[in-house]
Protein backbone atom coordinates (compact mmCIF):
# COMPACT_ATOMS: atom_id res chain seq x y z
CA MET A 1 95.60 32.61 145.55
CA PRO A 2 93.92 29.59 146.62
CA THR A 3 95.48 26.08 147.65
CA ILE A 4 94.28 22.20 147.74
CA ILE A 5 93.11 22.77 150.45
CA THR A 6 91.56 26.16 150.95
CA HIS A 7 89.87 25.07 148.20
CA ALA A 8 88.11 22.41 151.04
CA ALA A 9 87.05 26.10 152.60
CA VAL A 10 83.58 26.22 150.37
CA PRO A 11 81.75 22.80 150.56
CA LEU A 12 82.98 23.28 154.80
CA CYS A 13 81.52 26.59 155.24
CA LEU A 14 78.02 25.44 153.11
CA GLY A 15 78.24 22.39 155.86
CA ALA A 16 77.81 24.67 158.36
CA GLY A 17 75.51 27.33 157.20
CA LEU A 18 73.19 24.34 156.01
CA ARG A 19 73.80 22.34 158.93
CA LEU A 20 74.07 18.83 159.06
CA ARG A 21 70.26 17.92 158.89
CA ILE A 22 71.08 19.03 155.21
CA ILE A 23 74.48 18.46 154.63
CA PRO A 24 75.16 14.94 156.87
CA PRO A 25 79.28 14.34 157.48
CA ARG A 26 79.56 11.72 154.93
CA LEU A 27 78.25 14.90 151.45
CA LEU A 28 80.49 16.32 153.36
CA LEU A 29 83.64 14.45 153.53
CA THR A 30 82.32 13.91 149.58
CA GLY A 31 81.67 17.91 148.94
CA VAL A 32 85.35 18.40 150.21
CA ILE A 33 87.25 15.84 148.36
CA LEU A 34 85.65 17.32 144.82
CA ALA A 35 85.89 20.61 145.74
CA MET A 36 90.33 19.74 146.20
CA LEU A 37 89.99 17.05 143.38
CA PRO A 38 90.73 19.07 140.24
CA ASP A 39 94.02 19.91 141.32
CA ALA A 40 94.87 16.41 140.77
CA ASP A 41 95.88 16.96 137.13
CA VAL A 42 99.48 18.85 138.80
CA LEU A 43 100.33 15.07 138.53
CA SER A 44 100.46 15.15 134.60
CA PHE A 45 104.07 17.56 135.24
CA LYS A 46 105.15 14.22 136.46
CA PHE A 47 104.51 12.10 133.39
CA GLY A 48 105.79 15.41 130.90
CA ILE A 49 102.54 16.98 130.00
CA ALA A 50 102.52 20.41 129.46
CA TYR A 51 101.01 23.00 131.26
CA GLY A 52 99.06 24.51 128.56
CA ASN A 53 97.76 20.75 127.50
CA VAL A 54 93.89 20.25 127.82
CA PHE A 55 95.13 17.27 130.43
CA GLY A 56 97.65 19.68 131.65
CA HIS A 57 96.75 21.82 134.98
CA ARG A 58 93.47 23.35 135.35
CA GLY A 59 92.53 21.96 131.82
CA PHE A 60 89.92 19.31 132.01
CA THR A 61 89.83 18.56 135.14
CA HIS A 62 88.30 22.39 136.04
CA SER A 63 86.03 22.05 133.19
CA LEU A 64 81.83 22.55 133.67
CA LEU A 65 81.76 18.86 132.08
CA PHE A 66 83.71 17.63 134.43
CA ALA A 67 81.39 19.13 137.02
CA PHE A 68 78.84 17.98 135.94
CA ILE A 69 80.01 14.32 135.53
CA VAL A 70 82.10 13.68 138.36
CA PRO A 71 79.49 15.17 140.80
CA LEU A 72 76.51 12.27 138.91
CA LEU A 73 78.68 9.56 139.09
CA CYS A 74 79.61 10.08 142.89
CA VAL A 75 75.86 10.33 143.06
CA LEU A 76 74.65 7.18 141.13
CA VAL A 77 77.52 5.20 143.42
CA ALA A 78 77.47 6.14 146.66
CA GLN A 79 73.64 7.72 146.89
CA ARG A 80 72.64 5.62 150.07
CA TRP A 81 75.52 5.84 151.97
CA PHE A 82 74.83 10.07 151.64
CA ARG A 83 71.26 9.27 152.92
CA VAL A 84 69.61 12.57 151.46
CA GLY A 85 67.79 12.87 148.29
CA LEU A 86 69.47 12.35 144.67
CA VAL A 87 69.28 16.27 143.78
CA ARG A 88 70.50 17.48 147.78
CA SER A 89 73.22 15.80 146.90
CA TRP A 90 74.31 16.22 143.20
CA LEU A 91 73.86 19.87 143.97
CA PHE A 92 75.96 20.45 147.06
CA LEU A 93 78.69 18.00 145.13
CA THR A 94 78.54 20.33 141.93
CA VAL A 95 78.38 23.50 144.19
CA SER A 96 82.05 21.84 145.96
CA LEU A 97 83.42 21.13 142.12
CA LEU A 98 82.29 24.09 140.35
CA SER A 99 83.96 26.06 143.69
CA HIS A 100 87.06 24.85 142.73
CA SER A 101 87.41 26.43 138.97
CA LEU A 102 85.69 29.80 140.40
CA LEU A 103 88.13 30.62 142.85
CA ASP A 104 90.89 29.78 140.30
CA SER A 105 89.79 31.86 137.79
CA VAL A 106 89.85 34.79 140.12
CA THR A 107 93.67 34.36 140.23
CA THR A 108 96.35 35.92 138.02
CA GLY A 109 98.35 33.42 137.83
CA GLY A 110 98.63 30.65 135.42
CA LYS A 111 97.23 30.63 131.76
CA GLY A 112 93.03 30.34 132.83
CA VAL A 113 91.17 27.33 133.81
CA GLY A 114 89.68 25.25 131.27
CA TRP A 115 86.25 26.17 131.99
CA LEU A 116 85.04 24.71 128.28
CA TRP A 117 86.66 21.96 127.39
CA PRO A 118 85.64 19.59 124.88
CA TRP A 119 84.12 22.65 123.60
CA LEU A 120 86.98 24.75 123.50
CA ASP A 121 90.51 24.17 124.81
CA GLU A 122 91.01 28.20 124.78
CA ARG A 123 91.33 29.22 129.10
CA PHE A 124 89.51 31.95 131.07
CA PHE A 125 90.24 34.25 133.72
CA ALA A 126 87.03 35.67 135.29
CA PRO A 127 86.71 39.39 134.04
């Protein structure tokens, strides 16, 4: 079962495989943070939000919409800091963030992943 720490393995492995010239350290660090970010939704338990709620664990923070918009916002805010092209930055960050939901989908725990929020509130596991 993936943990918040093991989710960081995907961007770290991609960064190691692609080397520093392609994925500089600042972009790699942001990818690691984004790979772990969806599990910030566990804070919803502290506010009494039910697991199955769209704002609960594995809800909207695990959706495709979240995985495309958050990297875009990061790139728009920090593009100069990354020191690589817009498309490369966005692709790396999007893959890093999407990897979280993909890994969670292959588990059998919980109620599945809210991949298609806001279009569907249904949760999914990998086949």
